[in-house]
Amino acid sequence: MRIDSKYLFGVLNFIRTDKKYEGDKPLQYGTQYIVGGVFVDIHTSTKKKGTFTLDIKNHPANPDFARQLQEYIDAACEPEEENII
């Protein structure tokens, strides 16, 4: 999902303060955060400046965290419209 960059700090704070936070590693144009076996990929956009994409992978490794992160994003962040011209 594409999210406005003004929400990035809050999302990162949510990820990094989890008890099962294991660290991060660089990706091309982004970073992968690991929380209890769940991989959260955050990529900055070169085409749509001021936004980032977030992908949650390997949900079964820590379903509670994956669900809580998704609920946090749904409640706190406003996903960017893909069809705005």
PDB file of N, CA and C in Angstrom:
ATOM      1  N   MET A   1       0.834  -1.171   0.000  1.00  0.00           N
ATOM      2  CA  MET A   1       0.000   0.000   0.000  1.00  0.00           C
ATOM      3  C   MET A   1       0.881   1.238   0.000  1.00  0.00           C
ATOM      4  N   ARG A   2       0.426   2.290  -0.631  1.00  0.00           N
ATOM      5  CA  ARG A   2       1.168   3.551  -0.707  1.00  0.00           C
ATOM      6  C   ARG A   2       0.630   4.486   0.377  1.00  0.00           C
ATOM      7  N   ILE A   3       1.552   5.076   1.145  1.00  0.00           N
ATOM      8  CA  ILE A   3       1.189   5.908   2.288  1.00  0.00           C
ATOM      9  C   ILE A   3       1.967   7.216   2.218  1.00  0.00           C
ATOM     10  N   ASP A   4       1.348   8.300   2.652  1.00  0.00           N
ATOM     11  CA  ASP A   4       2.010   9.604   2.702  1.00  0.00           C
ATOM     12  C   ASP A   4       3.188   9.541   3.681  1.00  0.00           C
ATOM     13  N   SER A   5       4.293  10.161   3.323  1.00  0.00           N
ATOM     14  CA  SER A   5       5.517  10.111   4.132  1.00  0.00           C
ATOM     15  C   SER A   5       5.371  10.733   5.512  1.00  0.00           C
ATOM     16  N   LYS A   6       4.367  11.567   5.712  1.00  0.00           N
ATOM     17  CA  LYS A   6       4.198  12.167   7.035  1.00  0.00           C
ATOM     18  C   LYS A   6       3.860  11.123   8.098  1.00  0.00           C
ATOM     19  N   TYR A   7       3.453   9.924   7.690  1.00  0.00           N
ATOM     20  CA  TYR A   7       3.137   8.853   8.627  1.00  0.00           C
ATOM     21  C   TYR A   7       4.309   7.897   8.856  1.00  0.00           C
ATOM     22  N   LEU A   8       5.418   8.093   8.164  1.00  0.00           N
ATOM     23  CA  LEU A   8       6.540   7.154   8.233  1.00  0.00           C
ATOM     24  C   LEU A   8       7.099   7.029   9.643  1.00  0.00           C
ATOM     25  N   PHE A   9       7.317   8.143  10.343  1.00  0.00           N
ATOM     26  CA  PHE A   9       7.890   8.089  11.685  1.00  0.00           C
ATOM     27  C   PHE A   9       7.020   7.259  12.624  1.00  0.00           C
ATOM     28  N   GLY A  10       5.718   7.451  12.579  1.00  0.00           N
ATOM     29  CA  GLY A  10       4.812   6.688  13.434  1.00  0.00           C
ATOM     30  C   GLY A  10       4.842   5.199  13.143  1.00  0.00           C
ATOM     31  N   VAL A  11       4.887   4.838  11.859  1.00  0.00           N
ATOM     32  CA  VAL A  11       4.954   3.428  11.469  1.00  0.00           C
ATOM     33  C   VAL A  11       6.265   2.813  11.955  1.00  0.00           C
ATOM     34  N   LEU A  12       7.377   3.522  11.747  1.00  0.00           N
ATOM     35  CA  LEU A  12       8.672   3.008  12.195  1.00  0.00           C
ATOM     36  C   LEU A  12       8.720   2.878  13.712  1.00  0.00           C
ATOM     37  N   ASN A  13       8.145   3.822  14.424  1.00  0.00           N
ATOM     38  CA  ASN A  13       8.097   3.750  15.875  1.00  0.00           C
ATOM     39  C   ASN A  13       7.304   2.523  16.323  1.00  0.00           C
ATOM     40  N   PHE A  14       6.181   2.256  15.658  1.00  0.00           N
ATOM     41  CA  PHE A  14       5.369   1.084  15.982  1.00  0.00           C
ATOM     42  C   PHE A  14       6.175  -0.197  15.778  1.00  0.00           C
ATOM     43  N   ILE A  15       6.902  -0.280  14.678  1.00  0.00           N
ATOM     44  CA  ILE A  15       7.687  -1.473  14.360  1.00  0.00           C
ATOM     45  C   ILE A  15       8.837  -1.651  15.346  1.00  0.00           C
ATOM     46  N   ARG A  16       9.610  -0.604  15.564  1.00  0.00           N
ATOM     47  CA  ARG A  16      10.838  -0.704  16.364  1.00  0.00           C
ATOM     48  C   ARG A  16      10.597  -0.873  17.855  1.00  0.00           C
ATOM     49  N   THR A  17       9.419  -0.538  18.347  1.00  0.00           N
ATOM     50  CA  THR A  17       9.158  -0.679  19.779  1.00  0.00           C
ATOM     51  C   THR A  17       8.532  -2.021  20.140  1.00  0.00           C
ATOM     52  N   ASP A  18       8.268  -2.860  19.166  1.00  0.00           N
ATOM     53  CA  ASP A  18       7.728  -4.185  19.449  1.00  0.00           C
ATOM     54  C   ASP A  18       8.788  -5.029  20.149  1.00  0.00           C
ATOM     55  N   LYS A  19       8.373  -5.836  21.121  1.00  0.00           N
ATOM     56  CA  LYS A  19       9.308  -6.670  21.890  1.00  0.00           C
ATOM     57  C   LYS A  19      10.057  -7.665  21.018  1.00  0.00           C
ATOM     58  N   LYS A  20       9.471  -8.070  19.906  1.00  0.00           N
ATOM     59  CA  LYS A  20      10.100  -9.069  19.037  1.00  0.00           C
ATOM     60  C   LYS A  20      10.867  -8.449  17.872  1.00  0.00           C
ATOM     61  N   TYR A  21      11.125  -7.152  17.931  1.00  0.00           N
ATOM     62  CA  TYR A  21      11.885  -6.478  16.870  1.00  0.00           C
ATOM     63  C   TYR A  21      13.285  -7.075  16.800  1.00  0.00           C
ATOM     64  N   GLU A  22      13.669  -7.549  15.604  1.00  0.00           N
ATOM     65  CA  GLU A  22      14.952  -8.226  15.417  1.00  0.00           C
ATOM     66  C   GLU A  22      15.975  -7.386  14.672  1.00  0.00           C
ATOM     67  N   GLY A  23      15.567  -6.299  14.059  1.00  0.00           N
ATOM     68  CA  GLY A  23      16.509  -5.461  13.329  1.00  0.00           C
ATOM     69  C   GLY A  23      16.014  -5.135  11.939  1.00  0.00           C
ATOM     70  N   ASP A  24      16.929  -4.578  11.146  1.00  0.00           N
ATOM     71  CA  ASP A  24      16.573  -4.187   9.787  1.00  0.00           C
ATOM     72  C   ASP A  24      17.751  -4.418   8.863  1.00  0.00           C
ATOM     73  N   LYS A  25      17.454  -4.421   7.573  1.00  0.00           N
ATOM     74  CA  LYS A  25      18.513  -4.533   6.573  1.00  0.00           C
ATOM     75  C   LYS A  25      18.119  -3.715   5.351  1.00  0.00           C
ATOM     76  N   PRO A  26      19.106  -3.164   4.667  1.00  0.00           N
ATOM     77  CA  PRO A  26      18.798  -2.306   3.517  1.00  0.00           C
ATOM     78  C   PRO A  26      18.286  -3.098   2.317  1.00  0.00           C
ATOM     79  N   LEU A  27      17.371  -2.471   1.597  1.00  0.00           N
ATOM     80  CA  LEU A  27      16.864  -2.972   0.323  1.00  0.00           C
ATOM     81  C   LEU A  27      17.099  -1.877  -0.709  1.00  0.00           C
ATOM     82  N   GLN A  28      16.936  -2.205  -1.971  1.00  0.00           N
ATOM     83  CA  GLN A  28      17.031  -1.170  -2.990  1.00  0.00           C
ATOM     84  C   GLN A  28      15.863  -0.201  -2.798  1.00  0.00           C
ATOM     85  N   TYR A  29      16.168   1.058  -2.582  1.00  0.00           N
ATOM     86  CA  TYR A  29      15.186   2.118  -2.349  1.00  0.00           C
ATOM     87  C   TYR A  29      14.365   1.903  -1.088  1.00  0.00           C
ATOM     88  N   GLY A  30      14.903   1.203  -0.095  1.00  0.00           N
ATOM     89  CA  GLY A  30      14.134   1.026   1.123  1.00  0.00           C
ATOM     90  C   GLY A  30      14.840   0.204   2.172  1.00  0.00           C
ATOM     91  N   THR A  31      14.048  -0.274   3.122  1.00  0.00           N
ATOM     92  CA  THR A  31      14.558  -1.039   4.248  1.00  0.00           C
ATOM     93  C   THR A  31      13.576  -2.148   4.578  1.00  0.00           C
ATOM     94  N   GLN A  32      14.118  -3.292   5.017  1.00  0.00           N
ATOM     95  CA  GLN A  32      13.287  -4.394   5.485  1.00  0.00           C
ATOM     96  C   GLN A  32      13.445  -4.487   6.996  1.00  0.00           C
ATOM     97  N   TYR A  33      12.330  -4.446   7.711  1.00  0.00           N
ATOM     98  CA  TYR A  33      12.321  -4.562   9.164  1.00  0.00           C
ATOM     99  C   TYR A  33      11.800  -5.948   9.514  1.00  0.00           C
ATOM    100  N   ILE A  34      12.417  -6.576  10.522  1.00  0.00           N
ATOM    101  CA  ILE A  34      12.055  -7.939  10.896  1.00  0.00           C
ATOM    102  C   ILE A  34      11.539  -7.925  12.331  1.00  0.00           C
ATOM    103  N   VAL A  35      10.315  -8.433  12.504  1.00  0.00           N
ATOM    104  CA  VAL A  35       9.688  -8.478  13.818  1.00  0.00           C
ATOM    105  C   VAL A  35       9.122  -9.874  14.018  1.00  0.00           C
ATOM    106  N   GLY A  36       9.790 -10.679  14.826  1.00  0.00           N
ATOM    107  CA  GLY A  36       9.304 -12.018  15.120  1.00  0.00           C
ATOM    108  C   GLY A  36       9.089 -12.870  13.889  1.00  0.00           C
ATOM    109  N   GLY A  37       9.922 -12.713  12.877  1.00  0.00           N
ATOM    110  CA  GLY A  37       9.809 -13.484  11.650  1.00  0.00           C
ATOM    111  C   GLY A  37       8.956 -12.844  10.574  1.00  0.00           C
ATOM    112  N   VAL A  38       8.244 -11.779  10.908  1.00  0.00           N
ATOM    113  CA  VAL A  38       7.462 -11.030   9.921  1.00  0.00           C
ATOM    114  C   VAL A  38       8.387 -10.003   9.277  1.00  0.00           C
ATOM    115  N   PHE A  39       8.339  -9.914   7.960  1.00  0.00           N
ATOM    116  CA  PHE A  39       9.165  -8.962   7.225  1.00  0.00           C
ATOM    117  C   PHE A  39       8.285  -7.796   6.786  1.00  0.00           C
ATOM    118  N   VAL A  40       8.704  -6.590   7.135  1.00  0.00           N
ATOM    119  CA  VAL A  40       7.983  -5.384   6.734  1.00  0.00           C
ATOM    120  C   VAL A  40       8.909  -4.605   5.808  1.00  0.00           C
ATOM    121  N   ASP A  41       8.566  -4.569   4.530  1.00  0.00           N
ATOM    122  CA  ASP A  41       9.374  -3.860   3.536  1.00  0.00           C
ATOM    123  C   ASP A  41       8.806  -2.464   3.332  1.00  0.00           C
ATOM    124  N   ILE A  42       9.676  -1.469   3.501  1.00  0.00           N
ATOM    125  CA  ILE A  42       9.287  -0.083   3.276  1.00  0.00           C
ATOM    126  C   ILE A  42      10.174   0.473   2.180  1.00  0.00           C
ATOM    127  N   HIS A  43       9.542   0.931   1.107  1.00  0.00           N
ATOM    128  CA  HIS A  43      10.260   1.485  -0.043  1.00  0.00           C
ATOM    129  C   HIS A  43       9.837   2.932  -0.250  1.00  0.00           C
ATOM    130  N   THR A  44      10.818   3.811  -0.419  1.00  0.00           N
ATOM    131  CA  THR A  44      10.500   5.190  -0.778  1.00  0.00           C
ATOM    132  C   THR A  44      10.291   5.250  -2.283  1.00  0.00           C
ATOM    133  N   SER A  45       9.471   6.175  -2.708  1.00  0.00           N
ATOM    134  CA  SER A  45       9.142   6.286  -4.125  1.00  0.00           C
ATOM    135  C   SER A  45       9.994   7.347  -4.801  1.00  0.00           C
ATOM    136  N   THR A  46      10.541   7.006  -5.956  1.00  0.00           N
ATOM    137  CA  THR A  46      11.285   7.993  -6.737  1.00  0.00           C
ATOM    138  C   THR A  46      10.354   8.721  -7.701  1.00  0.00           C
ATOM    139  N   LYS A  47       9.237   8.095  -8.046  1.00  0.00           N
ATOM    140  CA  LYS A  47       8.283   8.714  -8.971  1.00  0.00           C
ATOM    141  C   LYS A  47       7.251   9.557  -8.234  1.00  0.00           C
ATOM    142  N   LYS A  48       6.749   9.035  -7.134  1.00  0.00           N
ATOM    143  CA  LYS A  48       5.743   9.750  -6.349  1.00  0.00           C
ATOM    144  C   LYS A  48       6.403  10.229  -5.066  1.00  0.00           C
ATOM    145  N   LYS A  49       7.082  11.347  -5.155  1.00  0.00           N
ATOM    146  CA  LYS A  49       7.796  11.907  -4.011  1.00  0.00           C
ATOM    147  C   LYS A  49       6.813  12.181  -2.876  1.00  0.00           C
ATOM    148  N   GLY A  50       7.291  12.004  -1.660  1.00  0.00           N
ATOM    149  CA  GLY A  50       6.442  12.258  -0.506  1.00  0.00           C
ATOM    150  C   GLY A  50       5.583  11.081  -0.109  1.00  0.00           C
ATOM    151  N   THR A  51       5.855   9.904  -0.694  1.00  0.00           N
ATOM    152  CA  THR A  51       5.108   8.701  -0.333  1.00  0.00           C
ATOM    153  C   THR A  51       6.072   7.535  -0.141  1.00  0.00           C
ATOM    154  N   PHE A  52       5.566   6.486   0.496  1.00  0.00           N
ATOM    155  CA  PHE A  52       6.316   5.239   0.606  1.00  0.00           C
ATOM    156  C   PHE A  52       5.337   4.081   0.480  1.00  0.00           C
ATOM    157  N   THR A  53       5.878   2.917   0.122  1.00  0.00           N
ATOM    158  CA  THR A  53       5.046   1.718   0.076  1.00  0.00           C
ATOM    159  C   THR A  53       5.447   0.809   1.224  1.00  0.00           C
ATOM    160  N   LEU A  54       4.491   0.076   1.728  1.00  0.00           N
ATOM    161  CA  LEU A  54       4.714  -0.832   2.841  1.00  0.00           C
ATOM    162  C   LEU A  54       4.113  -2.180   2.488  1.00  0.00           C
ATOM    163  N   ASP A  55       4.914  -3.232   2.622  1.00  0.00           N
ATOM    164  CA  ASP A  55       4.452  -4.598   2.376  1.00  0.00           C
ATOM    165  C   ASP A  55       4.754  -5.436   3.605  1.00  0.00           C
ATOM    166  N   ILE A  56       3.750  -6.161   4.098  1.00  0.00           N
ATOM    167  CA  ILE A  56       3.923  -7.062   5.231  1.00  0.00           C
ATOM    168  C   ILE A  56       4.004  -8.469   4.666  1.00  0.00           C
ATOM    169  N   LYS A  57       5.106  -9.171   4.979  1.00  0.00           N
ATOM    170  CA  LYS A  57       5.328 -10.517   4.436  1.00  0.00           C
ATOM    171  C   LYS A  57       5.514 -11.517   5.574  1.00  0.00           C
ATOM    172  N   ASN A  58       5.155 -12.766   5.312  1.00  0.00           N
ATOM    173  CA  ASN A  58       5.299 -13.876   6.250  1.00  0.00           C
ATOM    174  C   ASN A  58       4.412 -13.685   7.487  1.00  0.00           C
ATOM    175  N   HIS A  59       3.152 -13.353   7.263  1.00  0.00           N
ATOM    176  CA  HIS A  59       2.189 -13.153   8.350  1.00  0.00           C
ATOM    177  C   HIS A  59       2.148 -14.308   9.355  1.00  0.00           C
ATOM    178  N   PRO A  60       2.200 -15.582   8.911  1.00  0.00           N
ATOM    179  CA  PRO A  60       2.064 -16.692   9.852  1.00  0.00           C
ATOM    180  C   PRO A  60       3.151 -16.748  10.932  1.00  0.00           C
ATOM    181  N   ALA A  61       4.297 -16.137  10.705  1.00  0.00           N
ATOM    182  CA  ALA A  61       5.374 -16.182  11.692  1.00  0.00           C
ATOM    183  C   ALA A  61       4.991 -15.451  12.980  1.00  0.00           C
ATOM    184  N   ASN A  62       4.217 -14.410  12.871  1.00  0.00           N
ATOM    185  CA  ASN A  62       3.792 -13.623  14.031  1.00  0.00           C
ATOM    186  C   ASN A  62       2.465 -12.941  13.679  1.00  0.00           C
ATOM    187  N   PRO A  63       1.382 -13.726  13.648  1.00  0.00           N
ATOM    188  CA  PRO A  63       0.108 -13.180  13.174  1.00  0.00           C
ATOM    189  C   PRO A  63      -0.423 -12.017  14.010  1.00  0.00           C
ATOM    190  N   ASP A  64      -0.136 -12.018  15.319  1.00  0.00           N
ATOM    191  CA  ASP A  64      -0.611 -10.922  16.163  1.00  0.00           C
ATOM    192  C   ASP A  64       0.021  -9.601  15.759  1.00  0.00           C
ATOM    193  N   PHE A  65       1.339  -9.595  15.550  1.00  0.00           N
ATOM    194  CA  PHE A  65       2.013  -8.363  15.146  1.00  0.00           C
ATOM    195  C   PHE A  65       1.528  -7.911  13.773  1.00  0.00           C
ATOM    196  N   ALA A  66       1.425  -8.843  12.827  1.00  0.00           N
ATOM    197  CA  ALA A  66       0.987  -8.489  11.474  1.00  0.00           C
ATOM    198  C   ALA A  66      -0.406  -7.860  11.508  1.00  0.00           C
ATOM    199  N   ARG A  67      -1.299  -8.424  12.303  1.00  0.00           N
ATOM    200  CA  ARG A  67      -2.657  -7.888  12.428  1.00  0.00           C
ATOM    201  C   ARG A  67      -2.640  -6.511  13.093  1.00  0.00           C
ATOM    202  N   GLN A  68      -1.865  -6.374  14.178  1.00  0.00           N
ATOM    203  CA  GLN A  68      -1.798  -5.090  14.882  1.00  0.00           C
ATOM    204  C   GLN A  68      -1.209  -3.992  14.005  1.00  0.00           C
ATOM    205  N   LEU A  69      -0.171  -4.321  13.236  1.00  0.00           N
ATOM    206  CA  LEU A  69       0.423  -3.331  12.341  1.00  0.00           C
ATOM    207  C   LEU A  69      -0.588  -2.907  11.278  1.00  0.00           C
ATOM    208  N   GLN A  70      -1.296  -3.865  10.711  1.00  0.00           N
ATOM    209  CA  GLN A  70      -2.303  -3.535   9.700  1.00  0.00           C
ATOM    210  C   GLN A  70      -3.401  -2.661  10.292  1.00  0.00           C
ATOM    211  N   GLU A  71      -3.837  -2.976  11.513  1.00  0.00           N
ATOM    212  CA  GLU A  71      -4.869  -2.173  12.166  1.00  0.00           C
ATOM    213  C   GLU A  71      -4.358  -0.769  12.477  1.00  0.00           C
ATOM    214  N   TYR A  72      -3.096  -0.662  12.905  1.00  0.00           N
ATOM    215  CA  TYR A  72      -2.498   0.649  13.175  1.00  0.00           C
ATOM    216  C   TYR A  72      -2.479   1.494  11.903  1.00  0.00           C
ATOM    217  N   ILE A  73      -2.038   0.895  10.816  1.00  0.00           N
ATOM    218  CA  ILE A  73      -1.970   1.619   9.543  1.00  0.00           C
ATOM    219  C   ILE A  73      -3.365   2.046   9.095  1.00  0.00           C
ATOM    220  N   ASP A  74      -4.332   1.147   9.210  1.00  0.00           N
ATOM    221  CA  ASP A  74      -5.701   1.472   8.805  1.00  0.00           C
ATOM    222  C   ASP A  74      -6.280   2.618   9.636  1.00  0.00           C
ATOM    223  N   ALA A  75      -5.938   2.663  10.936  1.00  0.00           N
ATOM    224  CA  ALA A  75      -6.501   3.679  11.822  1.00  0.00           C
ATOM    225  C   ALA A  75      -5.741   5.002  11.769  1.00  0.00           C
ATOM    226  N   ALA A  76      -4.420   4.943  11.694  1.00  0.00           N
ATOM    227  CA  ALA A  76      -3.604   6.151  11.831  1.00  0.00           C
ATOM    228  C   ALA A  76      -3.190   6.784  10.512  1.00  0.00           C
ATOM    229  N   CYS A  77      -3.140   6.002   9.463  1.00  0.00           N
ATOM    230  CA  CYS A  77      -2.614   6.500   8.191  1.00  0.00           C
ATOM    231  C   CYS A  77      -3.713   6.561   7.140  1.00  0.00           C
ATOM    232  N   GLU A  78      -3.563   7.500   6.244  1.00  0.00           N
ATOM    233  CA  GLU A  78      -4.479   7.617   5.119  1.00  0.00           C
ATOM    234  C   GLU A  78      -3.749   7.144   3.874  1.00  0.00           C
ATOM    235  N   PRO A  79      -4.070   5.954   3.357  1.00  0.00           N
ATOM    236  CA  PRO A  79      -3.393   5.490   2.141  1.00  0.00           C
ATOM    237  C   PRO A  79      -3.573   6.482   1.001  1.00  0.00           C
ATOM    238  N   GLU A  80      -2.540   6.642   0.215  1.00  0.00           N
ATOM    239  CA  GLU A  80      -2.585   7.552  -0.929  1.00  0.00           C
ATOM    240  C   GLU A  80      -3.451   6.951  -2.023  1.00  0.00           C
ATOM    241  N   GLU A  81      -4.227   7.780  -2.676  1.00  0.00           N
ATOM    242  CA  GLU A  81      -5.063   7.339  -3.788  1.00  0.00           C
ATOM    243  C   GLU A  81      -4.183   7.010  -4.982  1.00  0.00           C
ATOM    244  N   GLU A  82      -4.360   5.844  -5.552  1.00  0.00           N
ATOM    245  CA  GLU A  82      -3.580   5.425  -6.714  1.00  0.00           C
ATOM    246  C   GLU A  82      -4.057   6.101  -7.995  1.00  0.00           C
ATOM    247  N   ASN A  83      -5.324   6.517  -8.036  1.00  0.00           N
ATOM    248  CA  ASN A  83      -5.911   7.011  -9.279  1.00  0.00           C
ATOM    249  C   ASN A  83      -5.960   8.531  -9.387  1.00  0.00           C
ATOM    250  N   ILE A  84      -5.359   9.234  -8.444  1.00  0.00           N
ATOM    251  CA  ILE A  84      -5.376  10.698  -8.512  1.00  0.00           C
ATOM    252  C   ILE A  84      -4.444  11.160  -9.623  1.00  0.00           C
ATOM    253  N   ILE A  85      -4.940  12.049 -10.457  1.00  0.00           N
ATOM    254  CA  ILE A  85      -4.134  12.554 -11.582  1.00  0.00           C
ATOM    255  C   ILE A  85      -3.563  13.907 -11.227  1.00  0.00           C
TER     256      ILE A  85
END
